């Protein structure tokens, strides 16, 4: 075991990462595994979840994939039961799963609003409520919610998404106050523009416009977000709770 892994104190911890089959979630799962945690990857992407698990098991052979829809209450209840039965503990929860359904408000349908809020906020409320029970009992836990820079700045065409991400930050601060006395911390990581399959579809002019807003001059990598999550999940962040770490290259400085 390396000195870094020892310092982070995650060896033997069990971490559940939702949306862990691709993009930022996949990078988070791999980084937490590299730091010694056993990972339960939760995703509804059948093929990608197996591919992600293969990468995670390079560092954590006992990790597993759990295919499920995070908006299904019964599925999430069963996932938590399975994790506790299979691994005997539930130490770290990373709420990363999310979707977009962009549209201008005048054209936004009720379904576009409801679906984004259901996945990006309500499902996190439900899963966090389930996860804090074993954490409180163990008197140790880490909850990291993946927010977004637009939850702070707003973004035209994303009223549903920005509302969910802004709500997530407020939610995290409230829960942090409720569980702090049990040595459970709750924090957010708010990525800016990260190079993923989604941003790879941007037109060149749109990409240049984005880069012009970023003082560091480039998009971030999923690994940049993963390392911030890994820090918050570690013993080194034991005295940090209710905070939001911005990983955005300087495009927003609160």
C-alpha atoms as a PDB file:
ATOM      1  CA  UNK A   1       0.000   0.000   0.000  1.00  0.00           C
ATOM      2  CA  UNK A   2       1.434   3.377  -1.022  1.00  0.00           C
ATOM      3  CA  UNK A   3       1.936   6.245   1.430  1.00  0.00           C
ATOM      4  CA  UNK A   4      -0.700   8.257  -0.453  1.00  0.00           C
ATOM      5  CA  UNK A   5      -3.320   5.530  -0.090  1.00  0.00           C
ATOM      6  CA  UNK A   6      -2.518   5.257   3.606  1.00  0.00           C
ATOM      7  CA  UNK A   7      -2.842   9.019   4.038  1.00  0.00           C
ATOM      8  CA  UNK A   8      -6.212   9.132   2.317  1.00  0.00           C
ATOM      9  CA  UNK A   9      -7.512   6.422   4.650  1.00  0.00           C
ATOM     10  CA  UNK A  10      -9.846   4.792   2.143  1.00  0.00           C
ATOM     11  CA  UNK A  11      -8.452   1.265   2.217  1.00  0.00           C
ATOM     12  CA  UNK A  12     -11.349  -1.097   2.904  1.00  0.00           C
ATOM     13  CA  UNK A  13     -14.005   1.597   2.569  1.00  0.00           C
ATOM     14  CA  UNK A  14     -17.029   0.860   0.385  1.00  0.00           C
ATOM     15  CA  UNK A  15     -18.075   3.561  -2.061  1.00  0.00           C
ATOM     16  CA  UNK A  16     -21.254   3.680  -4.144  1.00  0.00           C
ATOM     17  CA  UNK A  17     -20.955   5.801  -7.284  1.00  0.00           C
ATOM     18  CA  UNK A  18     -24.116   6.490  -9.267  1.00  0.00           C
ATOM     19  CA  UNK A  19     -23.781   7.168 -12.969  1.00  0.00           C
ATOM     20  CA  UNK A  20     -20.393   5.498 -12.664  1.00  0.00           C
ATOM     21  CA  UNK A  21     -20.297   3.804 -16.046  1.00  0.00           C
ATOM     22  CA  UNK A  22     -19.078   6.722 -18.167  1.00  0.00           C
ATOM     23  CA  UNK A  23     -17.633  10.234 -18.178  1.00  0.00           C
ATOM     24  CA  UNK A  24     -17.072  11.911 -14.826  1.00  0.00           C
ATOM     25  CA  UNK A  25     -18.672   9.084 -12.856  1.00  0.00           C
ATOM     26  CA  UNK A  26     -16.361   6.508 -14.391  1.00  0.00           C
ATOM     27  CA  UNK A  27     -13.306   8.615 -13.566  1.00  0.00           C
ATOM     28  CA  UNK A  28     -14.547   8.981  -9.970  1.00  0.00           C
ATOM     29  CA  UNK A  29     -15.045   5.228  -9.576  1.00  0.00           C
ATOM     30  CA  UNK A  30     -11.552   4.511 -10.896  1.00  0.00           C
ATOM     31  CA  UNK A  31      -9.916   7.166  -8.696  1.00  0.00           C
ATOM     32  CA  UNK A  32     -11.640   5.972  -5.521  1.00  0.00           C
ATOM     33  CA  UNK A  33     -10.620   2.406  -6.361  1.00  0.00           C
ATOM     34  CA  UNK A  34      -7.049   3.587  -6.892  1.00  0.00           C
ATOM     35  CA  UNK A  35      -7.153   5.067  -3.399  1.00  0.00           C
ATOM     36  CA  UNK A  36      -8.120   1.692  -1.935  1.00  0.00           C
ATOM     37  CA  UNK A  37     -11.929   1.731  -1.795  1.00  0.00           C
ATOM     38  CA  UNK A  38     -14.226  -1.059  -2.952  1.00  0.00           C
ATOM     39  CA  UNK A  39     -16.646   0.341  -5.496  1.00  0.00           C
ATOM     40  CA  UNK A  40     -20.266  -0.372  -6.296  1.00  0.00           C
ATOM     41  CA  UNK A  41     -20.936   1.205  -9.696  1.00  0.00           C
ATOM     42  CA  UNK A  42     -24.615   2.028 -10.151  1.00  0.00           C
ATOM     43  CA  UNK A  43     -25.823   2.714 -13.683  1.00  0.00           C
ATOM     44  CA  UNK A  44     -28.544   1.788 -16.153  1.00  0.00           C
ATOM     45  CA  UNK A  45     -26.037   1.501 -19.043  1.00  0.00           C
ATOM     46  CA  UNK A  46     -25.708  -2.253 -19.544  1.00  0.00           C
ATOM     47  CA  UNK A  47     -22.578  -2.373 -21.691  1.00  0.00           C
ATOM     48  CA  UNK A  48     -20.701   0.602 -20.312  1.00  0.00           C
ATOM     49  CA  UNK A  49     -21.128  -0.497 -16.711  1.00  0.00           C
ATOM     50  CA  UNK A  50     -19.271  -3.753 -17.446  1.00  0.00           C
ATOM     51  CA  UNK A  51     -16.498  -1.871 -19.242  1.00  0.00           C
ATOM     52  CA  UNK A  52     -16.167   0.527 -16.314  1.00  0.00           C
ATOM     53  CA  UNK A  53     -16.061  -2.351 -13.836  1.00  0.00           C
ATOM     54  CA  UNK A  54     -13.147  -3.922 -15.698  1.00  0.00           C
ATOM     55  CA  UNK A  55     -11.165  -0.696 -15.282  1.00  0.00           C
ATOM     56  CA  UNK A  56     -12.107  -0.341 -11.626  1.00  0.00           C
ATOM     57  CA  UNK A  57     -11.139  -3.937 -10.820  1.00  0.00           C
ATOM     58  CA  UNK A  58      -7.575  -3.244 -11.937  1.00  0.00           C
ATOM     59  CA  UNK A  59      -7.266  -1.410  -8.600  1.00  0.00           C
ATOM     60  CA  UNK A  60     -10.091  -3.005  -6.594  1.00  0.00           C
ATOM     61  CA  UNK A  61     -10.818  -6.641  -7.532  1.00  0.00           C
ATOM     62  CA  UNK A  62     -13.761  -6.925  -5.123  1.00  0.00           C
ATOM     63  CA  UNK A  63     -15.688  -4.063  -6.692  1.00  0.00           C
ATOM     64  CA  UNK A  64     -18.942  -4.737  -8.506  1.00  0.00           C
ATOM     65  CA  UNK A  65     -21.498  -3.295 -10.900  1.00  0.00           C
ATOM     66  CA  UNK A  66     -25.166  -2.848 -10.015  1.00  0.00           C
ATOM     67  CA  UNK A  67     -27.437  -2.125 -12.957  1.00  0.00           C
ATOM     68  CA  UNK A  68     -30.417  -0.055 -11.828  1.00  0.00           C
ATOM     69  CA  UNK A  69     -32.409   3.117 -12.405  1.00  0.00           C
ATOM     70  CA  UNK A  70     -31.636   5.685  -9.692  1.00  0.00           C
ATOM     71  CA  UNK A  71     -35.184   7.069  -9.917  1.00  0.00           C
ATOM     72  CA  UNK A  72     -36.672   3.721  -8.858  1.00  0.00           C
ATOM     73  CA  UNK A  73     -37.189   3.745  -5.111  1.00  0.00           C
ATOM     74  CA  UNK A  74     -37.453  -0.085  -4.850  1.00  0.00           C
ATOM     75  CA  UNK A  75     -34.264  -0.527  -6.918  1.00  0.00           C
ATOM     76  CA  UNK A  76     -32.308   1.866  -4.710  1.00  0.00           C
ATOM     77  CA  UNK A  77     -33.614   0.252  -1.531  1.00  0.00           C
ATOM     78  CA  UNK A  78     -32.517  -3.124  -2.849  1.00  0.00           C
ATOM     79  CA  UNK A  79     -29.123  -1.739  -3.939  1.00  0.00           C
ATOM     80  CA  UNK A  80     -28.436  -0.437  -0.429  1.00  0.00           C
ATOM     81  CA  UNK A  81     -29.517  -3.750   1.124  1.00  0.00           C
ATOM     82  CA  UNK A  82     -27.314  -5.648  -1.319  1.00  0.00           C
ATOM     83  CA  UNK A  83     -24.309  -3.422  -0.611  1.00  0.00           C
ATOM     84  CA  UNK A  84     -24.635  -3.922   3.135  1.00  0.00           C
ATOM     85  CA  UNK A  85     -25.129  -7.677   2.791  1.00  0.00           C
ATOM     86  CA  UNK A  86     -22.318  -8.135   0.276  1.00  0.00           C
ATOM     87  CA  UNK A  87     -19.736  -5.778   1.764  1.00  0.00           C
ATOM     88  CA  UNK A  88     -20.893  -5.263   5.339  1.00  0.00           C
ATOM     89  CA  UNK A  89     -20.690  -1.495   5.172  1.00  0.00           C
ATOM     90  CA  UNK A  90     -21.616   1.634   3.203  1.00  0.00           C
ATOM     91  CA  UNK A  91     -19.043   4.370   3.774  1.00  0.00           C
ATOM     92  CA  UNK A  92     -19.064   6.704   0.784  1.00  0.00           C
ATOM     93  CA  UNK A  93     -21.847   7.836  -1.531  1.00  0.00           C
ATOM     94  CA  UNK A  94     -21.148   9.806  -4.686  1.00  0.00           C
ATOM     95  CA  UNK A  95     -24.357  11.099  -6.261  1.00  0.00           C
ATOM     96  CA  UNK A  96     -23.211  11.659  -9.820  1.00  0.00           C
ATOM     97  CA  UNK A  97     -26.043  10.379 -12.036  1.00  0.00           C
ATOM     98  CA  UNK A  98     -27.706  13.146 -13.996  1.00  0.00           C
ATOM     99  CA  UNK A  99     -29.406  14.071 -17.260  1.00  0.00           C
ATOM    100  CA  UNK A 100     -30.201  17.162 -19.299  1.00  0.00           C
ATOM    101  CA  UNK A 101     -33.334  18.051 -21.248  1.00  0.00           C
ATOM    102  CA  UNK A 102     -32.458  21.525 -22.493  1.00  0.00           C
ATOM    103  CA  UNK A 103     -35.049  23.969 -23.796  1.00  0.00           C
ATOM    104  CA  UNK A 104     -36.008  27.599 -23.435  1.00  0.00           C
ATOM    105  CA  UNK A 105     -38.515  28.058 -20.632  1.00  0.00           C
ATOM    106  CA  UNK A 106     -41.329  29.125 -22.962  1.00  0.00           C
ATOM    107  CA  UNK A 107     -40.915  25.836 -24.840  1.00  0.00           C
ATOM    108  CA  UNK A 108     -40.058  23.573 -21.919  1.00  0.00           C
ATOM    109  CA  UNK A 109     -42.583  20.819 -21.331  1.00  0.00           C
ATOM    110  CA  UNK A 110     -43.719  19.576 -17.942  1.00  0.00           C
ATOM    111  CA  UNK A 111     -42.047  16.259 -18.749  1.00  0.00           C
ATOM    112  CA  UNK A 112     -38.698  17.937 -19.490  1.00  0.00           C
ATOM    113  CA  UNK A 113     -38.897  19.754 -16.160  1.00  0.00           C
ATOM    114  CA  UNK A 114     -40.129  16.774 -14.147  1.00  0.00           C
ATOM    115  CA  UNK A 115     -37.648  14.250 -15.533  1.00  0.00           C
ATOM    116  CA  UNK A 116     -34.593  16.432 -14.874  1.00  0.00           C
ATOM    117  CA  UNK A 117     -35.696  17.238 -11.332  1.00  0.00           C
ATOM    118  CA  UNK A 118     -36.510  13.561 -10.689  1.00  0.00           C
ATOM    119  CA  UNK A 119     -33.066  12.312 -11.764  1.00  0.00           C
ATOM    120  CA  UNK A 120     -30.880  15.226 -10.670  1.00  0.00           C
ATOM    121  CA  UNK A 121     -32.460  16.083  -7.324  1.00  0.00           C
ATOM    122  CA  UNK A 122     -35.281  13.844  -6.085  1.00  0.00           C
ATOM    123  CA  UNK A 123     -33.366  10.601  -6.626  1.00  0.00           C
ATOM    124  CA  UNK A 124     -30.465  12.072  -4.647  1.00  0.00           C
ATOM    125  CA  UNK A 125     -32.788  12.934  -1.768  1.00  0.00           C
ATOM    126  CA  UNK A 126     -34.060   9.354  -1.693  1.00  0.00           C
ATOM    127  CA  UNK A 127     -30.677   7.643  -1.949  1.00  0.00           C
ATOM    128  CA  UNK A 128     -29.031   9.969   0.562  1.00  0.00           C
ATOM    129  CA  UNK A 129     -31.843   9.276   3.023  1.00  0.00           C
ATOM    130  CA  UNK A 130     -31.128   5.558   2.650  1.00  0.00           C
ATOM    131  CA  UNK A 131     -27.348   5.932   2.861  1.00  0.00           C
ATOM    132  CA  UNK A 132     -27.121   8.060   5.969  1.00  0.00           C
ATOM    133  CA  UNK A 133     -28.706   5.336   8.123  1.00  0.00           C
ATOM    134  CA  UNK A 134     -25.730   2.926   7.995  1.00  0.00           C
ATOM    135  CA  UNK A 135     -23.328   5.875   8.062  1.00  0.00           C
ATOM    136  CA  UNK A 136     -24.860   7.292  11.242  1.00  0.00           C
ATOM    137  CA  UNK A 137     -24.788   3.835  12.802  1.00  0.00           C
ATOM    138  CA  UNK A 138     -21.096   3.478  11.927  1.00  0.00           C
ATOM    139  CA  UNK A 139     -20.423   7.077  12.998  1.00  0.00           C
ATOM    140  CA  UNK A 140     -18.497   7.689   9.771  1.00  0.00           C
ATOM    141  CA  UNK A 141     -19.574   8.633   6.287  1.00  0.00           C
ATOM    142  CA  UNK A 142     -18.841  10.738   3.246  1.00  0.00           C
ATOM    143  CA  UNK A 143     -21.495  12.017   0.842  1.00  0.00           C
ATOM    144  CA  UNK A 144     -20.328  13.904  -2.235  1.00  0.00           C
ATOM    145  CA  UNK A 145     -22.901  15.357  -4.607  1.00  0.00           C
ATOM    146  CA  UNK A 146     -21.938  16.380  -8.130  1.00  0.00           C
ATOM    147  CA  UNK A 147     -23.417  19.809  -8.741  1.00  0.00           C
ATOM    148  CA  UNK A 148     -22.487  22.166 -11.602  1.00  0.00           C
ATOM    149  CA  UNK A 149     -21.142  25.640 -12.207  1.00  0.00           C
ATOM    150  CA  UNK A 150     -24.490  26.554 -13.787  1.00  0.00           C
ATOM    151  CA  UNK A 151     -26.169  25.916 -10.455  1.00  0.00           C
ATOM    152  CA  UNK A 152     -24.384  29.089  -9.346  1.00  0.00           C
ATOM    153  CA  UNK A 153     -24.408  31.137 -12.554  1.00  0.00           C
ATOM    154  CA  UNK A 154     -27.587  30.015 -14.341  1.00  0.00           C
ATOM    155  CA  UNK A 155     -27.604  29.135 -18.017  1.00  0.00           C
ATOM    156  CA  UNK A 156     -30.085  30.005 -20.746  1.00  0.00           C
ATOM    157  CA  UNK A 157     -32.020  26.966 -21.926  1.00  0.00           C
ATOM    158  CA  UNK A 158     -31.328  25.009 -18.745  1.00  0.00           C
ATOM    159  CA  UNK A 159     -33.830  26.300 -16.191  1.00  0.00           C
ATOM    160  CA  UNK A 160     -34.643  22.718 -15.164  1.00  0.00           C
ATOM    161  CA  UNK A 161     -31.013  21.613 -14.861  1.00  0.00           C
ATOM    162  CA  UNK A 162     -29.814  24.746 -13.063  1.00  0.00           C
ATOM    163  CA  UNK A 163     -32.742  24.584 -10.638  1.00  0.00           C
ATOM    164  CA  UNK A 164     -31.842  20.995  -9.776  1.00  0.00           C
ATOM    165  CA  UNK A 165     -28.142  21.740  -9.314  1.00  0.00           C
ATOM    166  CA  UNK A 166     -28.778  24.872  -7.245  1.00  0.00           C
ATOM    167  CA  UNK A 167     -31.236  22.881  -5.152  1.00  0.00           C
ATOM    168  CA  UNK A 168     -28.624  20.175  -4.683  1.00  0.00           C
ATOM    169  CA  UNK A 169     -26.190  22.658  -3.155  1.00  0.00           C
ATOM    170  CA  UNK A 170     -28.802  23.866  -0.677  1.00  0.00           C
ATOM    171  CA  UNK A 171     -29.847  20.297   0.063  1.00  0.00           C
ATOM    172  CA  UNK A 172     -26.248  19.333   0.802  1.00  0.00           C
ATOM    173  CA  UNK A 173     -25.744  22.198   3.241  1.00  0.00           C
ATOM    174  CA  UNK A 174     -28.877  21.277   5.152  1.00  0.00           C
ATOM    175  CA  UNK A 175     -28.067  17.574   5.391  1.00  0.00           C
ATOM    176  CA  UNK A 176     -24.486  18.430   6.393  1.00  0.00           C
ATOM    177  CA  UNK A 177     -25.838  20.219   9.459  1.00  0.00           C
ATOM    178  CA  UNK A 178     -28.129  17.324  10.347  1.00  0.00           C
ATOM    179  CA  UNK A 179     -25.482  14.574  10.314  1.00  0.00           C
ATOM    180  CA  UNK A 180     -22.278  16.376  11.333  1.00  0.00           C
ATOM    181  CA  UNK A 181     -22.517  15.225  14.951  1.00  0.00           C
ATOM    182  CA  UNK A 182     -22.278  11.619  13.700  1.00  0.00           C
ATOM    183  CA  UNK A 183     -19.022  12.258  11.830  1.00  0.00           C
ATOM    184  CA  UNK A 184     -20.754  12.198   8.434  1.00  0.00           C
ATOM    185  CA  UNK A 185     -19.770  14.940   6.006  1.00  0.00           C
ATOM    186  CA  UNK A 186     -21.787  16.164   3.029  1.00  0.00           C
ATOM    187  CA  UNK A 187     -20.179  18.242   0.294  1.00  0.00           C
ATOM    188  CA  UNK A 188     -20.569  19.153  -3.366  1.00  0.00           C
ATOM    189  CA  UNK A 189     -18.175  19.263  -6.284  1.00  0.00           C
ATOM    190  CA  UNK A 190     -19.310  21.653  -9.017  1.00  0.00           C
ATOM    191  CA  UNK A 191     -17.633  20.987 -12.374  1.00  0.00           C
ATOM    192  CA  UNK A 192     -17.403  23.594 -15.082  1.00  0.00           C
ATOM    193  CA  UNK A 193     -16.962  22.553 -18.692  1.00  0.00           C
ATOM    194  CA  UNK A 194     -15.400  19.092 -18.691  1.00  0.00           C
ATOM    195  CA  UNK A 195     -14.222  17.273 -21.808  1.00  0.00           C
ATOM    196  CA  UNK A 196     -16.678  14.394 -22.149  1.00  0.00           C
ATOM    197  CA  UNK A 197     -18.626  12.771 -24.967  1.00  0.00           C
ATOM    198  CA  UNK A 198     -21.289  15.439 -24.480  1.00  0.00           C
ATOM    199  CA  UNK A 199     -18.959  18.427 -24.887  1.00  0.00           C
ATOM    200  CA  UNK A 200     -17.215  16.626 -27.737  1.00  0.00           C
ATOM    201  CA  UNK A 201     -20.354  17.162 -29.828  1.00  0.00           C
ATOM    202  CA  UNK A 202     -20.091  20.966 -29.600  1.00  0.00           C
ATOM    203  CA  UNK A 203     -19.613  22.930 -32.797  1.00  0.00           C
ATOM    204  CA  UNK A 204     -16.177  24.620 -33.123  1.00  0.00           C
ATOM    205  CA  UNK A 205     -17.617  28.121 -32.642  1.00  0.00           C
ATOM    206  CA  UNK A 206     -19.474  27.039 -29.496  1.00  0.00           C
ATOM    207  CA  UNK A 207     -16.325  25.423 -28.149  1.00  0.00           C
ATOM    208  CA  UNK A 208     -14.287  28.576 -28.767  1.00  0.00           C
ATOM    209  CA  UNK A 209     -16.908  30.693 -27.021  1.00  0.00           C
ATOM    210  CA  UNK A 210     -16.699  28.431 -23.978  1.00  0.00           C
ATOM    211  CA  UNK A 211     -12.913  28.456 -23.874  1.00  0.00           C
ATOM    212  CA  UNK A 212     -12.934  32.268 -24.002  1.00  0.00           C
ATOM    213  CA  UNK A 213     -14.771  32.237 -20.639  1.00  0.00           C
ATOM    214  CA  UNK A 214     -12.223  29.983 -18.924  1.00  0.00           C
ATOM    215  CA  UNK A 215      -9.138  31.780 -17.556  1.00  0.00           C
ATOM    216  CA  UNK A 216      -7.041  28.600 -17.624  1.00  0.00           C
ATOM    217  CA  UNK A 217      -7.844  28.340 -21.336  1.00  0.00           C
ATOM    218  CA  UNK A 218      -8.971  24.731 -21.595  1.00  0.00           C
ATOM    219  CA  UNK A 219     -11.757  22.397 -20.611  1.00  0.00           C
ATOM    220  CA  UNK A 220     -11.196  20.197 -17.612  1.00  0.00           C
ATOM    221  CA  UNK A 221     -10.773  16.435 -17.664  1.00  0.00           C
ATOM    222  CA  UNK A 222     -13.035  14.001 -15.809  1.00  0.00           C
ATOM    223  CA  UNK A 223     -10.006  13.134 -13.679  1.00  0.00           C
ATOM    224  CA  UNK A 224      -9.875  16.732 -12.396  1.00  0.00           C
ATOM    225  CA  UNK A 225     -13.326  16.258 -10.880  1.00  0.00           C
ATOM    226  CA  UNK A 226     -12.472  12.766  -9.658  1.00  0.00           C
ATOM    227  CA  UNK A 227      -9.488  13.991  -7.661  1.00  0.00           C
ATOM    228  CA  UNK A 228     -11.611  16.618  -5.901  1.00  0.00           C
ATOM    229  CA  UNK A 229     -14.153  13.914  -5.027  1.00  0.00           C
ATOM    230  CA  UNK A 230     -11.389  11.608  -3.811  1.00  0.00           C
ATOM    231  CA  UNK A 231     -10.079  14.309  -1.492  1.00  0.00           C
ATOM    232  CA  UNK A 232     -13.523  14.969   0.004  1.00  0.00           C
ATOM    233  CA  UNK A 233     -14.027  11.236   0.530  1.00  0.00           C
ATOM    234  CA  UNK A 234     -10.743  10.909   2.362  1.00  0.00           C
ATOM    235  CA  UNK A 235      -9.599  11.373   5.950  1.00  0.00           C
ATOM    236  CA  UNK A 236      -7.765  14.496   4.809  1.00  0.00           C
ATOM    237  CA  UNK A 237     -11.134  16.235   4.385  1.00  0.00           C
ATOM    238  CA  UNK A 238     -12.483  15.199   7.800  1.00  0.00           C
ATOM    239  CA  UNK A 239     -13.087  18.834   8.852  1.00  0.00           C
ATOM    240  CA  UNK A 240     -14.846  19.968   5.673  1.00  0.00           C
ATOM    241  CA  UNK A 241     -18.624  19.753   5.389  1.00  0.00           C
ATOM    242  CA  UNK A 242     -21.404  21.742   3.755  1.00  0.00           C
ATOM    243  CA  UNK A 243     -18.967  23.096   1.172  1.00  0.00           C
ATOM    244  CA  UNK A 244     -18.904  23.251  -2.616  1.00  0.00           C
ATOM    245  CA  UNK A 245     -15.580  22.808  -4.400  1.00  0.00           C
ATOM    246  CA  UNK A 246     -15.585  24.438  -7.828  1.00  0.00           C
ATOM    247  CA  UNK A 247     -13.602  22.670 -10.545  1.00  0.00           C
ATOM    248  CA  UNK A 248     -14.003  25.047 -13.466  1.00  0.00           C
ATOM    249  CA  UNK A 249     -10.670  26.521 -14.545  1.00  0.00           C
ATOM    250  CA  UNK A 250     -11.592  29.896 -13.047  1.00  0.00           C
ATOM    251  CA  UNK A 251     -14.713  30.597 -15.104  1.00  0.00           C
ATOM    252  CA  UNK A 252     -16.646  31.180 -11.860  1.00  0.00           C
ATOM    253  CA  UNK A 253     -15.001  32.393  -8.654  1.00  0.00           C
ATOM    254  CA  UNK A 254     -17.466  32.687  -5.750  1.00  0.00           C
END
